Structures are given as C-alpha cells and as structure tokens.
PDB file of all heavy atoms in Angstrom:
ATOM      1  N   ILE A   1     -15.182 -13.836   8.722  1.00  0.00           N
ATOM      2  CA  ILE A   1     -13.979 -13.194   9.159  1.00  0.00           C
ATOM      3  C   ILE A   1     -12.719 -13.452   8.220  1.00  0.00           C
ATOM      4  O   ILE A   1     -12.050 -12.543   7.754  1.00  0.00           O
ATOM      5  CB  ILE A   1     -13.672 -13.476  10.569  1.00  0.00           C
ATOM      6  CG1 ILE A   1     -14.681 -12.855  11.511  1.00  0.00           C
ATOM      7  CG2 ILE A   1     -12.301 -12.852  10.995  1.00  0.00           C
ATOM      8  CD1 ILE A   1     -14.622 -13.395  12.917  1.00  0.00           C
ATOM      9  N   SER A   2     -12.682 -14.718   7.877  1.00  0.00           N
ATOM     10  CA  SER A   2     -11.454 -15.117   7.100  1.00  0.00           C
ATOM     11  C   SER A   2     -11.490 -14.613   5.816  1.00  0.00           C
ATOM     12  O   SER A   2     -10.599 -14.200   5.092  1.00  0.00           O
ATOM     13  CB  SER A   2     -11.327 -16.679   7.149  1.00  0.00           C
ATOM     14  OG  SER A   2     -12.436 -17.256   6.558  1.00  0.00           O
ATOM     15  N   HIS A   3     -12.664 -14.616   5.165  1.00  0.00           N
ATOM     16  CA  HIS A   3     -12.931 -14.160   3.715  1.00  0.00           C
ATOM     17  C   HIS A   3     -12.591 -12.623   3.847  1.00  0.00           C
ATOM     18  O   HIS A   3     -11.961 -12.057   2.907  1.00  0.00           O
ATOM     19  CB  HIS A   3     -14.250 -14.459   3.330  1.00  0.00           C
ATOM     20  CG  HIS A   3     -14.370 -15.801   2.741  1.00  0.00           C
ATOM     21  ND1 HIS A   3     -14.072 -16.083   1.476  1.00  0.00           N
ATOM     22  CD2 HIS A   3     -14.837 -16.887   3.305  1.00  0.00           C
ATOM     23  CE1 HIS A   3     -14.294 -17.408   1.243  1.00  0.00           C
ATOM     24  NE2 HIS A   3     -14.701 -17.940   2.456  1.00  0.00           N
ATOM     25  N   GLY A   4     -13.039 -11.965   4.736  1.00  0.00           N
ATOM     26  CA  GLY A   4     -12.907 -10.494   4.883  1.00  0.00           C
ATOM     27  C   GLY A   4     -11.362 -10.121   5.044  1.00  0.00           C
ATOM     28  O   GLY A   4     -10.929  -9.258   4.284  1.00  0.00           O
ATOM     29  N   VAL A   5     -10.876 -10.806   5.897  1.00  0.00           N
ATOM     30  CA  VAL A   5      -9.373 -10.532   6.220  1.00  0.00           C
ATOM     31  C   VAL A   5      -8.483 -10.699   4.993  1.00  0.00           C
ATOM     32  O   VAL A   5      -7.595  -9.965   4.691  1.00  0.00           O
ATOM     33  CB  VAL A   5      -8.800 -11.337   7.458  1.00  0.00           C
ATOM     34  CG1 VAL A   5      -7.352 -11.165   7.507  1.00  0.00           C
ATOM     35  CG2 VAL A   5      -9.534 -10.867   8.718  1.00  0.00           C
ATOM     36  N   ILE A   6      -8.744 -11.858   4.251  1.00  0.00           N
ATOM     37  CA  ILE A   6      -7.869 -12.185   3.221  1.00  0.00           C
ATOM     38  C   ILE A   6      -8.039 -11.235   2.037  1.00  0.00           C
ATOM     39  O   ILE A   6      -7.191 -10.647   1.467  1.00  0.00           O
ATOM     40  CB  ILE A   6      -8.283 -13.487   2.598  1.00  0.00           C
ATOM     41  CG1 ILE A   6      -7.741 -14.652   3.663  1.00  0.00           C
ATOM     42  CG2 ILE A   6      -7.627 -13.881   1.294  1.00  0.00           C
ATOM     43  CD1 ILE A   6      -8.406 -16.044   3.399  1.00  0.00           C
ATOM     44  N   ALA A   7      -9.331 -10.768   1.696  1.00  0.00           N
ATOM     45  CA  ALA A   7      -9.617  -9.782   0.767  1.00  0.00           C
ATOM     46  C   ALA A   7      -9.020  -8.410   1.221  1.00  0.00           C
ATOM     47  O   ALA A   7      -8.425  -7.624   0.406  1.00  0.00           O
ATOM     48  CB  ALA A   7     -11.095  -9.630   0.536  1.00  0.00           C
ATOM     49  N   TYR A   8      -9.130  -8.087   2.514  1.00  0.00           N
ATOM     50  CA  TYR A   8      -8.580  -6.790   3.039  1.00  0.00           C
ATOM     51  C   TYR A   8      -7.032  -6.835   2.686  1.00  0.00           C
ATOM     52  O   TYR A   8      -6.551  -5.760   2.290  1.00  0.00           O
ATOM     53  CB  TYR A   8      -8.940  -6.612   4.470  1.00  0.00           C
ATOM     54  CG  TYR A   8      -8.426  -5.445   5.090  1.00  0.00           C
ATOM     55  CD1 TYR A   8      -9.299  -4.325   5.163  1.00  0.00           C
ATOM     56  CD2 TYR A   8      -7.142  -5.241   5.540  1.00  0.00           C
ATOM     57  CE1 TYR A   8      -8.846  -3.126   5.709  1.00  0.00           C
ATOM     58  CE2 TYR A   8      -6.702  -4.012   6.072  1.00  0.00           C
ATOM     59  CZ  TYR A   8      -7.574  -3.037   6.271  1.00  0.00           C
ATOM     60  OH  TYR A   8      -7.040  -1.765   6.698  1.00  0.00           O
ATOM     61  N   ARG A   9      -6.439  -7.716   2.986  1.00  0.00           N
ATOM     62  CA  ARG A   9      -4.892  -7.764   3.000  1.00  0.00           C
ATOM     63  C   ARG A   9      -4.422  -7.778   1.528  1.00  0.00           C
ATOM     64  O   ARG A   9      -3.469  -7.058   1.185  1.00  0.00           O
ATOM     65  CB  ARG A   9      -4.419  -9.006   3.698  1.00  0.00           C
ATOM     66  CG  ARG A   9      -4.441  -8.967   5.331  1.00  0.00           C
ATOM     67  CD  ARG A   9      -4.042 -10.236   5.910  1.00  0.00           C
ATOM     68  NE  ARG A   9      -3.942 -10.136   7.287  1.00  0.00           N
ATOM     69  CZ  ARG A   9      -3.655 -11.062   8.232  1.00  0.00           C
ATOM     70  NH1 ARG A   9      -3.407 -12.283   7.652  1.00  0.00           N
ATOM     71  NH2 ARG A   9      -3.806 -10.905   9.439  1.00  0.00           N
ATOM     72  N   LYS A  10      -5.120  -8.387   0.641  1.00  0.00           N
ATOM     73  CA  LYS A  10      -4.733  -8.448  -0.750  1.00  0.00           C
ATOM     74  C   LYS A  10      -4.926  -7.011  -1.351  1.00  0.00           C
ATOM     75  O   LYS A  10      -3.981  -6.497  -2.031  1.00  0.00           O
ATOM     76  CB  LYS A  10      -5.607  -9.432  -1.578  1.00  0.00           C
ATOM     77  CG  LYS A  10      -5.239 -10.895  -1.401  1.00  0.00           C
ATOM     78  CD  LYS A  10      -6.120 -11.831  -2.257  1.00  0.00           C
ATOM     79  CE  LYS A  10      -5.604 -13.319  -2.066  1.00  0.00           C
ATOM     80  NZ  LYS A  10      -6.523 -14.152  -2.889  1.00  0.00           N
ATOM     81  N   MET A  11      -6.042  -6.353  -1.026  1.00  0.00           N
ATOM     82  CA  MET A  11      -6.241  -5.061  -1.498  1.00  0.00           C
ATOM     83  C   MET A  11      -5.305  -4.085  -0.938  1.00  0.00           C
ATOM     84  O   MET A  11      -4.898  -3.075  -1.501  1.00  0.00           O
ATOM     85  CB  MET A  11      -7.688  -4.573  -1.216  1.00  0.00           C
ATOM     86  CG  MET A  11      -8.127  -3.322  -2.016  1.00  0.00           C
ATOM     87  SD  MET A  11      -7.946  -3.341  -3.739  1.00  0.00           S
ATOM     88  CE  MET A  11      -9.307  -4.417  -4.258  1.00  0.00           C
ATOM     89  N   ARG A  12      -4.946  -4.141   0.362  1.00  0.00           N
ATOM     90  CA  ARG A  12      -4.123  -3.277   1.061  1.00  0.00           C
ATOM     91  C   ARG A  12      -2.732  -3.253   0.388  1.00  0.00           C
ATOM     92  O   ARG A  12      -2.174  -2.220   0.203  1.00  0.00           O
ATOM     93  CB  ARG A  12      -3.952  -3.581   2.689  1.00  0.00           C
ATOM     94  CG  ARG A  12      -3.088  -2.706   3.386  1.00  0.00           C
ATOM     95  CD  ARG A  12      -2.896  -3.245   4.788  1.00  0.00           C
ATOM     96  NE  ARG A  12      -2.342  -4.554   4.887  1.00  0.00           N
ATOM     97  CZ  ARG A  12      -2.198  -5.210   5.966  1.00  0.00           C
ATOM     98  NH1 ARG A  12      -2.522  -4.778   7.095  1.00  0.00           N
ATOM     99  NH2 ARG A  12      -1.598  -6.473   5.974  1.00  0.00           N
ATOM    100  N   GLU A  13      -2.308  -4.364   0.027  1.00  0.00           N
ATOM    101  CA  GLU A  13      -0.991  -4.472  -0.513  1.00  0.00           C
ATOM    102  C   GLU A  13      -0.957  -3.799  -1.931  1.00  0.00           C
ATOM    103  O   GLU A  13       0.056  -3.148  -2.363  1.00  0.00           O
ATOM    104  CB  GLU A  13      -0.568  -5.986  -0.842  1.00  0.00           C
ATOM    105  CG  GLU A  13      -0.382  -6.729   0.421  1.00  0.00           C
ATOM    106  CD  GLU A  13       0.676  -6.164   1.321  1.00  0.00           C
ATOM    107  OE1 GLU A  13       1.806  -5.730   0.882  1.00  0.00           O
ATOM    108  OE2 GLU A  13       0.386  -6.017   2.508  1.00  0.00           O
ATOM    109  N   SER A  14      -2.072  -3.778  -2.630  1.00  0.00           N
ATOM    110  CA  SER A  14      -2.174  -3.244  -3.929  1.00  0.00           C
ATOM    111  C   SER A  14      -2.134  -1.569  -3.788  1.00  0.00           C
ATOM    112  O   SER A  14      -1.584  -0.946  -4.660  1.00  0.00           O
ATOM    113  CB  SER A  14      -3.498  -3.514  -4.540  1.00  0.00           C
ATOM    114  OG  SER A  14      -3.541  -4.838  -4.924  1.00  0.00           O
ATOM    115  N   TYR A  15      -2.688  -1.059  -2.620  1.00  0.00           N
ATOM    116  CA  TYR A  15      -2.753   0.384  -2.464  1.00  0.00           C
ATOM    117  C   TYR A  15      -1.696   0.897  -1.514  1.00  0.00           C
ATOM    118  O   TYR A  15      -1.734   2.065  -1.280  1.00  0.00           O
ATOM    119  CB  TYR A  15      -4.178   0.705  -1.957  1.00  0.00           C
ATOM    120  CG  TYR A  15      -5.188   0.784  -3.064  1.00  0.00           C
ATOM    121  CD1 TYR A  15      -5.895  -0.348  -3.439  1.00  0.00           C
ATOM    122  CD2 TYR A  15      -5.465   1.916  -3.877  1.00  0.00           C
ATOM    123  CE1 TYR A  15      -6.902  -0.308  -4.557  1.00  0.00           C
ATOM    124  CE2 TYR A  15      -6.312   1.999  -4.913  1.00  0.00           C
ATOM    125  CZ  TYR A  15      -6.951   0.804  -5.277  1.00  0.00           C
ATOM    126  OH  TYR A  15      -7.875   0.897  -6.354  1.00  0.00           O
ATOM    127  N   LEU A  16      -0.899   0.072  -1.040  1.00  0.00           N
ATOM    128  CA  LEU A  16       0.163   0.513  -0.130  1.00  0.00           C
ATOM    129  C   LEU A  16       1.356   1.009  -0.891  1.00  0.00           C
ATOM    130  O   LEU A  16       2.230   0.275  -1.134  1.00  0.00           O
ATOM    131  CB  LEU A  16       0.491  -0.556   0.889  1.00  0.00           C
ATOM    132  CG  LEU A  16       1.573  -0.295   1.954  1.00  0.00           C
ATOM    133  CD1 LEU A  16       0.924   0.915   2.905  1.00  0.00           C
ATOM    134  CD2 LEU A  16       1.786  -1.494   2.774  1.00  0.00           C
ATOM    135  N   VAL A  17       1.256   2.227  -1.405  1.00  0.00           N
ATOM    136  CA  VAL A  17       2.302   2.780  -2.163  1.00  0.00           C
ATOM    137  C   VAL A  17       2.489   4.254  -1.576  1.00  0.00           C
ATOM    138  O   VAL A  17       1.557   4.917  -1.295  1.00  0.00           O
ATOM    139  CB  VAL A  17       2.018   2.837  -3.636  1.00  0.00           C
ATOM    140  CG1 VAL A  17       1.899   1.461  -4.219  1.00  0.00           C
ATOM    141  CG2 VAL A  17       0.727   3.634  -3.889  1.00  0.00           C
ATOM    142  N   PRO A  18       3.722   4.802  -1.807  1.00  0.00           N
ATOM    143  CA  PRO A  18       3.995   6.176  -1.396  1.00  0.00           C
ATOM    144  C   PRO A  18       3.259   7.157  -2.383  1.00  0.00           C
ATOM    145  O   PRO A  18       3.107   6.785  -3.592  1.00  0.00           O
ATOM    146  CB  PRO A  18       5.525   6.337  -1.414  1.00  0.00           C
ATOM    147  CG  PRO A  18       5.882   5.239  -2.407  1.00  0.00           C
ATOM    148  CD  PRO A  18       5.005   4.157  -2.269  1.00  0.00           C
ATOM    149  N   TYR A  19       3.073   8.316  -1.998  1.00  0.00           N
ATOM    150  CA  TYR A  19       2.611   9.399  -2.930  1.00  0.00           C
ATOM    151  C   TYR A  19       3.763   9.612  -3.978  1.00  0.00           C
ATOM    152  O   TYR A  19       4.962   9.411  -3.578  1.00  0.00           O
ATOM    153  CB  TYR A  19       2.349  10.674  -2.190  1.00  0.00           C
ATOM    154  CG  TYR A  19       1.190  10.660  -1.353  1.00  0.00           C
ATOM    155  CD1 TYR A  19       1.021  10.784   0.085  1.00  0.00           C
ATOM    156  CD2 TYR A  19      -0.081  10.848  -2.006  1.00  0.00           C
ATOM    157  CE1 TYR A  19       0.010  10.883   0.833  1.00  0.00           C
ATOM    158  CE2 TYR A  19      -1.236  11.052  -1.206  1.00  0.00           C
ATOM    159  CZ  TYR A  19      -1.303  11.041   0.013  1.00  0.00           C
ATOM    160  OH  TYR A  19      -2.368  11.134   0.845  1.00  0.00           O
ATOM    161  N   PRO A  20       3.318  10.024  -5.088  1.00  0.00           N
ATOM    162  CA  PRO A  20       4.335  10.462  -6.161  1.00  0.00           C
ATOM    163  C   PRO A  20       5.286  11.568  -5.489  1.00  0.00           C
ATOM    164  O   PRO A  20       4.924  12.275  -4.752  1.00  0.00           O
ATOM    165  CB  PRO A  20       3.462  10.951  -7.243  1.00  0.00           C
ATOM    166  CG  PRO A  20       2.073  10.425  -7.093  1.00  0.00           C
ATOM    167  CD  PRO A  20       1.972  10.264  -5.569  1.00  0.00           C
ATOM    168  N   LYS A  21       6.637  11.210  -5.985  1.00  0.00           N
ATOM    169  CA  LYS A  21       7.645  12.106  -5.482  1.00  0.00           C
ATOM    170  C   LYS A  21       8.115  11.956  -4.043  1.00  0.00           C
ATOM    171  O   LYS A  21       9.050  12.630  -3.665  1.00  0.00           O
ATOM    172  CB  LYS A  21       7.302  13.670  -5.790  1.00  0.00           C
ATOM    173  CG  LYS A  21       6.875  14.001  -7.251  1.00  0.00           C
ATOM    174  CD  LYS A  21       6.706  15.402  -7.491  1.00  0.00           C
ATOM    175  CE  LYS A  21       6.185  15.627  -8.865  1.00  0.00           C
ATOM    176  NZ  LYS A  21       5.925  17.157  -8.998  1.00  0.00           N
ATOM    177  N   VAL A  22       7.576  10.999  -3.356  1.00  0.00           N
ATOM    178  CA  VAL A  22       8.023  10.789  -1.915  1.00  0.00           C
ATOM    179  C   VAL A  22       9.534  10.354  -1.968  1.00  0.00           C
ATOM    180  O   VAL A  22      10.297  10.876  -1.317  1.00  0.00           O
ATOM    181  CB  VAL A  22       7.177   9.831  -1.128  1.00  0.00           C
ATOM    182  CG1 VAL A  22       7.827   9.246   0.084  1.00  0.00           C
ATOM    183  CG2 VAL A  22       5.792  10.536  -0.805  1.00  0.00           C
ATOM    184  N   ILE A  23       9.786   9.354  -2.738  1.00  0.00           N
ATOM    185  CA  ILE A  23      11.102   8.749  -2.668  1.00  0.00           C
ATOM    186  C   ILE A  23      12.101   9.701  -3.211  1.00  0.00           C
ATOM    187  O   ILE A  23      13.221   9.953  -2.602  1.00  0.00           O
ATOM    188  CB  ILE A  23      11.136   7.404  -3.442  1.00  0.00           C
ATOM    189  CG1 ILE A  23      10.277   6.395  -2.578  1.00  0.00           C
ATOM    190  CG2 ILE A  23      12.559   6.957  -3.641  1.00  0.00           C
ATOM    191  CD1 ILE A  23      10.292   4.993  -3.244  1.00  0.00           C
ATOM    192  N   PRO A  24      11.883  10.437  -4.428  1.00  0.00           N
ATOM    193  CA  PRO A  24      12.897  11.392  -4.854  1.00  0.00           C
ATOM    194  C   PRO A  24      13.069  12.593  -3.840  1.00  0.00           C
ATOM    195  O   PRO A  24      14.220  13.082  -3.736  1.00  0.00           O
ATOM    196  CB  PRO A  24      12.308  11.932  -6.270  1.00  0.00           C
ATOM    197  CG  PRO A  24      11.352  10.795  -6.637  1.00  0.00           C
ATOM    198  CD  PRO A  24      10.882  10.132  -5.336  1.00  0.00           C
ATOM    199  N   THR A  25      12.112  12.915  -3.190  1.00  0.00           N
ATOM    200  CA  THR A  25      12.180  14.081  -2.309  1.00  0.00           C
ATOM    201  C   THR A  25      13.046  13.607  -0.988  1.00  0.00           C
ATOM    202  O   THR A  25      13.896  14.372  -0.581  1.00  0.00           O
ATOM    203  CB  THR A  25      10.797  14.436  -1.694  1.00  0.00           C
ATOM    204  OG1 THR A  25      10.032  14.951  -2.909  1.00  0.00           O
ATOM    205  CG2 THR A  25      10.943  15.541  -0.694  1.00  0.00           C
ATOM    206  N   LEU A  26      12.764  12.376  -0.485  1.00  0.00           N
ATOM    207  CA  LEU A  26      13.521  11.922   0.587  1.00  0.00           C
ATOM    208  C   LEU A  26      15.078  11.734   0.191  1.00  0.00           C
ATOM    209  O   LEU A  26      15.928  12.027   1.006  1.00  0.00           O
ATOM    210  CB  LEU A  26      13.062  10.607   1.149  1.00  0.00           C
ATOM    211  CG  LEU A  26      11.523  10.612   1.717  1.00  0.00           C
ATOM    212  CD1 LEU A  26      11.180   9.229   2.093  1.00  0.00           C
ATOM    213  CD2 LEU A  26      11.494  11.433   2.930  1.00  0.00           C
ATOM    214  N   ILE A  27      15.279  11.200  -0.959  1.00  0.00           N
ATOM    215  CA  ILE A  27      16.634  11.045  -1.517  1.00  0.00           C
ATOM    216  C   ILE A  27      17.400  12.401  -1.537  1.00  0.00           C
ATOM    217  O   ILE A  27      18.501  12.479  -1.163  1.00  0.00           O
ATOM    218  CB  ILE A  27      16.686  10.443  -2.840  1.00  0.00           C
ATOM    219  CG1 ILE A  27      16.252   9.004  -2.739  1.00  0.00           C
ATOM    220  CG2 ILE A  27      18.117  10.573  -3.602  1.00  0.00           C
ATOM    221  CD1 ILE A  27      16.019   8.308  -4.134  1.00  0.00           C
ATOM    222  N   GLU A  28      16.642  13.486  -2.067  1.00  0.00           N
ATOM    223  CA  GLU A  28      17.211  14.720  -2.073  1.00  0.00           C
ATOM    224  C   GLU A  28      17.514  15.385  -0.737  1.00  0.00           C
ATOM    225  O   GLU A  28      18.538  16.093  -0.589  1.00  0.00           O
ATOM    226  CB  GLU A  28      16.273  15.630  -2.960  1.00  0.00           C
ATOM    227  CG  GLU A  28      16.929  17.049  -3.298  1.00  0.00           C
ATOM    228  CD  GLU A  28      18.172  16.939  -4.120  1.00  0.00           C
ATOM    229  OE1 GLU A  28      18.276  15.966  -4.943  1.00  0.00           O
ATOM    230  OE2 GLU A  28      19.002  17.950  -4.090  1.00  0.00           O
TER     231      GLU A  28
END
C-alpha cells in the first residue's frame, strides 16, 4: 500500500496540469 500510494501521488503531481488554453481563457 505504501509503495503504491507514494508512486501514485508522485505521478499524479506530474500530470495534474490544466488543458492548454485553460488559463488564458479564464483570464479573458
């Protein structure tokens, strides 16, 4: 469980990004 959770969280942080153009669209 501990090995799985640690790996999951590390990878999640890498892929937790908005789609392209999300931020410019919200700003506009």
